[in-house]
Each structure stands twice: as structure tokens, then as C-alpha cells.
């Protein structure tokens, strides 16, 4: 029984270690104005990671990785 628990714990640790090398998912950054995020495979550190890209709604602009309305853009 201890061996089974050890194997489960070990596999969990290995799984976590493999996912830590992947870039963070960008869906959170795009917030509510990006209804159609899609993921594409990208190889990082000899592992396939899912990198999510954001598409802004019509009328929104991308600014620093975020979707913003033109009126909300910083004034120059």
C-alpha cells in the first residue's frame, strides 16, 4: 500500500515539474473582451506546451497584451 501511495505522489510531483516549464496561459490577461482564445502547441524545454493566444473583440485594440477600447488607451 505504501508503494502505491509513493508512486502516486511521485507521478504528481513529476507532472507538476513538467508543467512549470511552460509559459503561462494568456487567457487571463485578455479578460472578458476576448471571447475566442485559442491554444496552439509550442515546444519549450523539449516539451510541448499549450500557449494560448487572444483575439480582441471588434472595436477593441491590443495594448500591452490586453484588449482595451481606444478611449482607454494612454494619452501620449
PDB file of N, CA and C in Angstrom:
ATOM      1  N   UNK A   1       0.829  -1.195   0.000  1.00  0.00           N
ATOM      2  CA  UNK A   1       0.000   0.000   0.000  1.00  0.00           C
ATOM      3  C   UNK A   1       0.873   1.258   0.000  1.00  0.00           C
ATOM      4  N   UNK A   2       1.947   1.229   0.793  1.00  0.00           N
ATOM      5  CA  UNK A   2       2.841   2.388   0.838  1.00  0.00           C
ATOM      6  C   UNK A   2       3.480   2.629  -0.529  1.00  0.00           C
ATOM      7  N   UNK A   3       3.762   1.544  -1.240  1.00  0.00           N
ATOM      8  CA  UNK A   3       4.375   1.667  -2.563  1.00  0.00           C
ATOM      9  C   UNK A   3       3.421   2.362  -3.543  1.00  0.00           C
ATOM     10  N   UNK A   4       2.144   2.038  -3.461  1.00  0.00           N
ATOM     11  CA  UNK A   4       1.143   2.657  -4.341  1.00  0.00           C
ATOM     12  C   UNK A   4       1.043   4.149  -4.050  1.00  0.00           C
ATOM     13  N   UNK A   5       0.991   4.507  -2.789  1.00  0.00           N
ATOM     14  CA  UNK A   5       0.927   5.921  -2.401  1.00  0.00           C
ATOM     15  C   UNK A   5       2.188   6.646  -2.862  1.00  0.00           C
ATOM     16  N   UNK A   6       3.336   6.017  -2.693  1.00  0.00           N
ATOM     17  CA  UNK A   6       4.597   6.611  -3.134  1.00  0.00           C
ATOM     18  C   UNK A   6       4.582   6.871  -4.644  1.00  0.00           C
ATOM     19  N   UNK A   7       4.084   5.904  -5.411  1.00  0.00           N
ATOM     20  CA  UNK A   7       4.022   6.062  -6.871  1.00  0.00           C
ATOM     21  C   UNK A   7       3.088   7.196  -7.275  1.00  0.00           C
ATOM     22  N   UNK A   8       1.963   7.323  -6.598  1.00  0.00           N
ATOM     23  CA  UNK A   8       1.016   8.403  -6.898  1.00  0.00           C
ATOM     24  C   UNK A   8       1.637   9.754  -6.591  1.00  0.00           C
ATOM     25  N   UNK A   9       2.270   9.875  -5.447  1.00  0.00           N
ATOM     26  CA  UNK A   9       2.919  11.135  -5.065  1.00  0.00           C
ATOM     27  C   UNK A   9       4.040  11.475  -6.039  1.00  0.00           C
ATOM     28  N   UNK A  10       4.829  10.497  -6.398  1.00  0.00           N
ATOM     29  CA  UNK A  10       5.934  10.720  -7.324  1.00  0.00           C
ATOM     30  C   UNK A  10       5.431  11.165  -8.699  1.00  0.00           C
ATOM     31  N   UNK A  11       4.383  10.539  -9.201  1.00  0.00           N
ATOM     32  CA  UNK A  11       3.849  10.924 -10.511  1.00  0.00           C
ATOM     33  C   UNK A  11       3.253  12.325 -10.474  1.00  0.00           C
ATOM     34  N   UNK A  12       2.653  12.709  -9.355  1.00  0.00           N
ATOM     35  CA  UNK A  12       2.118  14.063  -9.212  1.00  0.00           C
ATOM     36  C   UNK A  12       3.240  15.088  -9.235  1.00  0.00           C
ATOM     37  N   UNK A  13       4.309  14.822  -8.530  1.00  0.00           N
ATOM     38  CA  UNK A  13       5.451  15.745  -8.490  1.00  0.00           C
ATOM     39  C   UNK A  13       6.075  15.882  -9.876  1.00  0.00           C
ATOM     40  N   UNK A  14       6.226  14.787 -10.580  1.00  0.00           N
ATOM     41  CA  UNK A  14       6.799  14.828 -11.931  1.00  0.00           C
ATOM     42  C   UNK A  14       5.891  15.618 -12.866  1.00  0.00           C
ATOM     43  N   UNK A  15       4.590  15.412 -12.778  1.00  0.00           N
ATOM     44  CA  UNK A  15       3.644  16.148 -13.625  1.00  0.00           C
ATOM     45  C   UNK A  15       3.725  17.643 -13.366  1.00  0.00           C
ATOM     46  N   UNK A  16       3.806  18.029 -12.110  1.00  0.00           N
ATOM     47  CA  UNK A  16       3.919  19.449 -11.769  1.00  0.00           C
ATOM     48  C   UNK A  16       5.225  20.031 -12.282  1.00  0.00           C
ATOM     49  N   UNK A  17       6.290  19.294 -12.163  1.00  0.00           N
ATOM     50  CA  UNK A  17       7.592  19.778 -12.633  1.00  0.00           C
ATOM     51  C   UNK A  17       7.585  19.990 -14.141  1.00  0.00           C
ATOM     52  N   UNK A  18       6.909  19.139 -14.867  1.00  0.00           N
ATOM     53  CA  UNK A  18       6.847  19.281 -16.321  1.00  0.00           C
ATOM     54  C   UNK A  18       6.030  20.494 -16.740  1.00  0.00           C
ATOM     55  N   UNK A  19       4.976  20.809 -16.007  1.00  0.00           N
ATOM     56  CA  UNK A  19       4.127  21.940 -16.394  1.00  0.00           C
ATOM     57  C   UNK A  19       4.724  23.273 -15.975  1.00  0.00           C
ATOM     58  N   UNK A  20       5.626  23.290 -15.019  1.00  0.00           N
ATOM     59  CA  UNK A  20       6.204  24.557 -14.573  1.00  0.00           C
ATOM     60  C   UNK A  20       7.093  25.188 -15.631  1.00  0.00           C
ATOM     61  N   UNK A  21       7.624  24.399 -16.547  1.00  0.00           N
ATOM     62  CA  UNK A  21       8.494  24.931 -17.581  1.00  0.00           C
ATOM     63  C   UNK A  21       7.728  25.614 -18.705  1.00  0.00           C
ATOM     64  N   UNK A  22       6.428  25.433 -18.763  1.00  0.00           N
ATOM     65  CA  UNK A  22       5.634  26.026 -19.833  1.00  0.00           C
ATOM     66  C   UNK A  22       5.295  27.476 -19.512  1.00  0.00           C
ATOM     67  N   UNK A  23       5.197  28.273 -20.581  1.00  0.00           N
ATOM     68  CA  UNK A  23       4.833  29.671 -20.381  1.00  0.00           C
ATOM     69  C   UNK A  23       3.409  29.747 -19.843  1.00  0.00           C
ATOM     70  N   UNK A  24       3.106  30.800 -19.103  1.00  0.00           N
ATOM     71  CA  UNK A  24       1.758  30.910 -18.551  1.00  0.00           C
ATOM     72  C   UNK A  24       0.719  31.104 -19.650  1.00  0.00           C
ATOM     73  N   UNK A  25      -0.469  30.650 -19.380  1.00  0.00           N
ATOM     74  CA  UNK A  25      -1.586  30.784 -20.299  1.00  0.00           C
ATOM     75  C   UNK A  25      -1.982  32.253 -20.364  1.00  0.00           C
ATOM     76  N   UNK A  26      -2.222  32.769 -21.556  1.00  0.00           N
ATOM     77  CA  UNK A  26      -2.510  34.196 -21.696  1.00  0.00           C
ATOM     78  C   UNK A  26      -3.998  34.519 -21.655  1.00  0.00           C
ATOM     79  N   UNK A  27      -4.846  33.532 -21.441  1.00  0.00           N
ATOM     80  CA  UNK A  27      -6.288  33.806 -21.427  1.00  0.00           C
ATOM     81  C   UNK A  27      -6.664  34.793 -20.326  1.00  0.00           C
ATOM     82  N   UNK A  28      -6.037  34.682 -19.179  1.00  0.00           N
ATOM     83  CA  UNK A  28      -6.383  35.545 -18.048  1.00  0.00           C
ATOM     84  C   UNK A  28      -6.099  37.004 -18.379  1.00  0.00           C
ATOM     85  N   UNK A  29      -5.004  37.258 -19.074  1.00  0.00           N
ATOM     86  CA  UNK A  29      -4.613  38.628 -19.402  1.00  0.00           C
ATOM     87  C   UNK A  29      -5.656  39.298 -20.278  1.00  0.00           C
ATOM     88  N   UNK A  30      -6.285  38.537 -21.180  1.00  0.00           N
ATOM     89  CA  UNK A  30      -7.225  39.127 -22.123  1.00  0.00           C
ATOM     90  C   UNK A  30      -8.590  39.409 -21.510  1.00  0.00           C
ATOM     91  N   UNK A  31      -8.866  38.889 -20.394  1.00  0.00           N
ATOM     92  CA  UNK A  31     -10.086  39.177 -19.632  1.00  0.00           C
ATOM     93  C   UNK A  31     -11.353  38.931 -20.443  1.00  0.00           C
ATOM     94  N   UNK A  32     -12.374  39.728 -20.185  1.00  0.00           N
ATOM     95  CA  UNK A  32     -13.701  39.477 -20.732  1.00  0.00           C
ATOM     96  C   UNK A  32     -13.857  39.863 -22.193  1.00  0.00           C
ATOM     97  N   UNK A  33     -12.963  40.715 -22.723  1.00  0.00           N
ATOM     98  CA  UNK A  33     -13.175  41.170 -24.094  1.00  0.00           C
ATOM     99  C   UNK A  33     -12.474  40.287 -25.106  1.00  0.00           C
ATOM    100  N   UNK A  34     -12.113  39.108 -24.750  1.00  0.00           N
ATOM    101  CA  UNK A  34     -11.514  38.171 -25.701  1.00  0.00           C
ATOM    102  C   UNK A  34     -12.271  36.850 -25.636  1.00  0.00           C
ATOM    103  N   UNK A  35     -13.367  36.750 -26.373  1.00  0.00           N
ATOM    104  CA  UNK A  35     -14.215  35.563 -26.250  1.00  0.00           C
ATOM    105  C   UNK A  35     -13.683  34.325 -26.952  1.00  0.00           C
ATOM    106  N   UNK A  36     -12.700  34.497 -27.831  1.00  0.00           N
ATOM    107  CA  UNK A  36     -12.247  33.365 -28.615  1.00  0.00           C
ATOM    108  C   UNK A  36     -10.766  33.066 -28.441  1.00  0.00           C
ATOM    109  N   UNK A  37     -10.299  32.840 -27.224  1.00  0.00           N
ATOM    110  CA  UNK A  37      -8.896  32.459 -27.092  1.00  0.00           C
ATOM    111  C   UNK A  37      -8.711  31.070 -27.686  1.00  0.00           C
ATOM    112  N   UNK A  38      -7.590  30.846 -28.298  1.00  0.00           N
ATOM    113  CA  UNK A  38      -7.303  29.523 -28.833  1.00  0.00           C
ATOM    114  C   UNK A  38      -5.871  29.156 -28.487  1.00  0.00           C
ATOM    115  N   UNK A  39      -5.650  27.873 -28.392  1.00  0.00           N
ATOM    116  CA  UNK A  39      -4.333  27.403 -27.991  1.00  0.00           C
ATOM    117  C   UNK A  39      -3.636  26.729 -29.162  1.00  0.00           C
ATOM    118  N   UNK A  40      -2.342  26.879 -29.195  1.00  0.00           N
ATOM    119  CA  UNK A  40      -1.537  26.206 -30.209  1.00  0.00           C
ATOM    120  C   UNK A  40      -0.350  25.563 -29.516  1.00  0.00           C
ATOM    121  N   UNK A  41       0.069  24.408 -30.017  1.00  0.00           N
ATOM    122  CA  UNK A  41       1.217  23.760 -29.383  1.00  0.00           C
ATOM    123  C   UNK A  41       2.500  24.528 -29.641  1.00  0.00           C
ATOM    124  N   UNK A  42       3.325  24.631 -28.645  1.00  0.00           N
ATOM    125  CA  UNK A  42       4.623  25.280 -28.778  1.00  0.00           C
ATOM    126  C   UNK A  42       5.616  24.447 -27.988  1.00  0.00           C
ATOM    127  N   UNK A  43       6.744  24.159 -28.586  1.00  0.00           N
ATOM    128  CA  UNK A  43       7.737  23.340 -27.902  1.00  0.00           C
ATOM    129  C   UNK A  43       8.642  24.223 -27.054  1.00  0.00           C
ATOM    130  N   UNK A  44       8.704  23.914 -25.786  1.00  0.00           N
ATOM    131  CA  UNK A  44       9.559  24.648 -24.853  1.00  0.00           C
ATOM    132  C   UNK A  44      10.254  23.632 -23.964  1.00  0.00           C
ATOM    133  N   UNK A  45      11.534  23.765 -23.839  1.00  0.00           N
ATOM    134  CA  UNK A  45      12.312  22.867 -22.979  1.00  0.00           C
ATOM    135  C   UNK A  45      12.078  21.400 -23.335  1.00  0.00           C
ATOM    136  N   UNK A  46      12.020  21.130 -24.638  1.00  0.00           N
ATOM    137  CA  UNK A  46      11.836  19.766 -25.151  1.00  0.00           C
ATOM    138  C   UNK A  46      10.498  19.162 -24.752  1.00  0.00           C
ATOM    139  N   UNK A  47       9.534  19.993 -24.391  1.00  0.00           N
ATOM    140  CA  UNK A  47       8.193  19.517 -24.068  1.00  0.00           C
ATOM    141  C   UNK A  47       7.190  20.360 -24.848  1.00  0.00           C
ATOM    142  N   UNK A  48       6.067  19.781 -25.176  1.00  0.00           N
ATOM    143  CA  UNK A  48       5.032  20.526 -25.887  1.00  0.00           C
ATOM    144  C   UNK A  48       4.180  21.276 -24.870  1.00  0.00           C
ATOM    145  N   UNK A  49       4.128  22.575 -24.992  1.00  0.00           N
ATOM    146  CA  UNK A  49       3.313  23.400 -24.104  1.00  0.00           C
ATOM    147  C   UNK A  49       2.149  23.973 -24.908  1.00  0.00           C
ATOM    148  N   UNK A  50       1.061  24.243 -24.250  1.00  0.00           N
ATOM    149  CA  UNK A  50      -0.060  24.893 -24.902  1.00  0.00           C
ATOM    150  C   UNK A  50       0.000  26.384 -24.602  1.00  0.00           C
ATOM    151  N   UNK A  51       0.273  27.174 -25.629  1.00  0.00           N
ATOM    152  CA  UNK A  51       0.340  28.619 -25.470  1.00  0.00           C
ATOM    153  C   UNK A  51      -0.961  29.194 -26.007  1.00  0.00           C
ATOM    154  N   UNK A  52      -1.670  29.923 -25.192  1.00  0.00           N
ATOM    155  CA  UNK A  52      -2.957  30.462 -25.606  1.00  0.00           C
ATOM    156  C   UNK A  52      -2.803  31.883 -26.128  1.00  0.00           C
ATOM    157  N   UNK A  53      -3.445  32.135 -27.260  1.00  0.00           N
ATOM    158  CA  UNK A  53      -3.400  33.450 -27.879  1.00  0.00           C
ATOM    159  C   UNK A  53      -4.772  34.095 -27.743  1.00  0.00           C
ATOM    160  N   UNK A  54      -4.797  35.403 -27.705  1.00  0.00           N
ATOM    161  CA  UNK A  54      -6.059  36.103 -27.526  1.00  0.00           C
ATOM    162  C   UNK A  54      -6.437  36.862 -28.787  1.00  0.00           C
ATOM    163  N   UNK A  55      -7.722  36.939 -29.034  1.00  0.00           N
ATOM    164  CA  UNK A  55      -8.248  37.712 -30.150  1.00  0.00           C
ATOM    165  C   UNK A  55      -9.223  38.718 -29.556  1.00  0.00           C
ATOM    166  N   UNK A  56      -8.966  39.984 -29.774  1.00  0.00           N
ATOM    167  CA  UNK A  56      -9.833  41.013 -29.193  1.00  0.00           C
ATOM    168  C   UNK A  56     -11.141  41.113 -29.968  1.00  0.00           C
ATOM    169  N   UNK A  57     -12.202  41.499 -29.274  1.00  0.00           N
ATOM    170  CA  UNK A  57     -13.477  41.758 -29.928  1.00  0.00           C
ATOM    171  C   UNK A  57     -13.341  42.914 -30.901  1.00  0.00           C
ATOM    172  N   UNK A  58     -14.259  43.004 -31.839  1.00  0.00           N
ATOM    173  CA  UNK A  58     -14.282  44.117 -32.795  1.00  0.00           C
ATOM    174  C   UNK A  58     -14.423  45.427 -32.026  1.00  0.00           C
ATOM    175  N   UNK A  59     -13.599  46.396 -32.363  1.00  0.00           N
ATOM    176  CA  UNK A  59     -13.638  47.692 -31.686  1.00  0.00           C
ATOM    177  C   UNK A  59     -12.611  47.820 -30.581  1.00  0.00           C
ATOM    178  N   UNK A  60     -12.028  46.706 -30.159  1.00  0.00           N
ATOM    179  CA  UNK A  60     -11.000  46.734 -29.124  1.00  0.00           C
ATOM    180  C   UNK A  60      -9.625  46.689 -29.776  1.00  0.00           C
ATOM    181  N   UNK A  61      -8.644  47.278 -29.132  1.00  0.00           N
ATOM    182  CA  UNK A  61      -7.268  47.265 -29.602  1.00  0.00           C
ATOM    183  C   UNK A  61      -6.415  46.493 -28.613  1.00  0.00           C
ATOM    184  N   UNK A  62      -5.331  45.913 -29.114  1.00  0.00           N
ATOM    185  CA  UNK A  62      -4.385  45.243 -28.210  1.00  0.00           C
ATOM    186  C   UNK A  62      -3.389  46.264 -27.721  1.00  0.00           C
ATOM    187  N   UNK A  63      -3.222  46.336 -26.421  1.00  0.00           N
ATOM    188  CA  UNK A  63      -2.274  47.279 -25.829  1.00  0.00           C
ATOM    189  C   UNK A  63      -1.570  46.569 -24.687  1.00  0.00           C
ATOM    190  N   UNK A  64      -0.310  46.285 -24.861  1.00  0.00           N
ATOM    191  CA  UNK A  64       0.451  45.604 -23.808  1.00  0.00           C
ATOM    192  C   UNK A  64      -0.088  44.226 -23.498  1.00  0.00           C
ATOM    193  N   UNK A  65      -0.635  43.535 -24.513  1.00  0.00           N
ATOM    194  CA  UNK A  65      -1.163  42.193 -24.296  1.00  0.00           C
ATOM    195  C   UNK A  65      -2.593  42.173 -23.807  1.00  0.00           C
ATOM    196  N   UNK A  66      -3.189  43.339 -23.600  1.00  0.00           N
ATOM    197  CA  UNK A  66      -4.570  43.410 -23.121  1.00  0.00           C
ATOM    198  C   UNK A  66      -5.457  43.963 -24.218  1.00  0.00           C
ATOM    199  N   UNK A  67      -6.739  43.686 -24.136  1.00  0.00           N
ATOM    200  CA  UNK A  67      -7.706  44.243 -25.075  1.00  0.00           C
ATOM    201  C   UNK A  67      -8.334  45.473 -24.420  1.00  0.00           C
ATOM    202  N   UNK A  68      -8.199  46.614 -25.067  1.00  0.00           N
ATOM    203  CA  UNK A  68      -8.746  47.853 -24.499  1.00  0.00           C
ATOM    204  C   UNK A  68      -9.507  48.611 -25.573  1.00  0.00           C
ATOM    205  N   UNK A  69     -10.440  49.420 -25.140  1.00  0.00           N
ATOM    206  CA  UNK A  69     -11.129  50.319 -26.060  1.00  0.00           C
ATOM    207  C   UNK A  69     -10.208  51.484 -26.379  1.00  0.00           C
ATOM    208  N   UNK A  70     -10.300  52.051 -27.591  1.00  0.00           N
ATOM    209  CA  UNK A  70      -9.422  53.177 -27.943  1.00  0.00           C
ATOM    210  C   UNK A  70      -9.488  54.328 -26.943  1.00  0.00           C
ATOM    211  N   UNK A  71     -10.655  54.580 -26.369  1.00  0.00           N
ATOM    212  CA  UNK A  71     -10.784  55.691 -25.409  1.00  0.00           C
ATOM    213  C   UNK A  71     -10.014  55.416 -24.117  1.00  0.00           C
ATOM    214  N   UNK A  72      -9.714  54.142 -23.836  1.00  0.00           N
ATOM    215  CA  UNK A  72      -8.993  53.779 -22.616  1.00  0.00           C
ATOM    216  C   UNK A  72      -7.480  53.718 -22.803  1.00  0.00           C
ATOM    217  N   UNK A  73      -7.013  53.954 -24.041  1.00  0.00           N
ATOM    218  CA  UNK A  73      -5.572  53.909 -24.286  1.00  0.00           C
ATOM    219  C   UNK A  73      -4.895  55.104 -23.631  1.00  0.00           C
ATOM    220  N   UNK A  74      -3.669  54.936 -23.173  1.00  0.00           N
ATOM    221  CA  UNK A  74      -2.964  56.058 -22.550  1.00  0.00           C
ATOM    222  C   UNK A  74      -2.747  57.188 -23.550  1.00  0.00           C
ATOM    223  N   UNK A  75      -2.920  58.391 -23.085  1.00  0.00           N
ATOM    224  CA  UNK A  75      -2.709  59.574 -23.932  1.00  0.00           C
ATOM    225  C   UNK A  75      -1.220  59.846 -24.035  1.00  0.00           C
ATOM    226  N   UNK A  76      -0.768  60.203 -25.242  1.00  0.00           N
ATOM    227  CA  UNK A  76       0.660  60.492 -25.437  1.00  0.00           C
ATOM    228  C   UNK A  76       0.909  61.977 -25.419  1.00  0.00           C
TER     229      UNK A  76
END
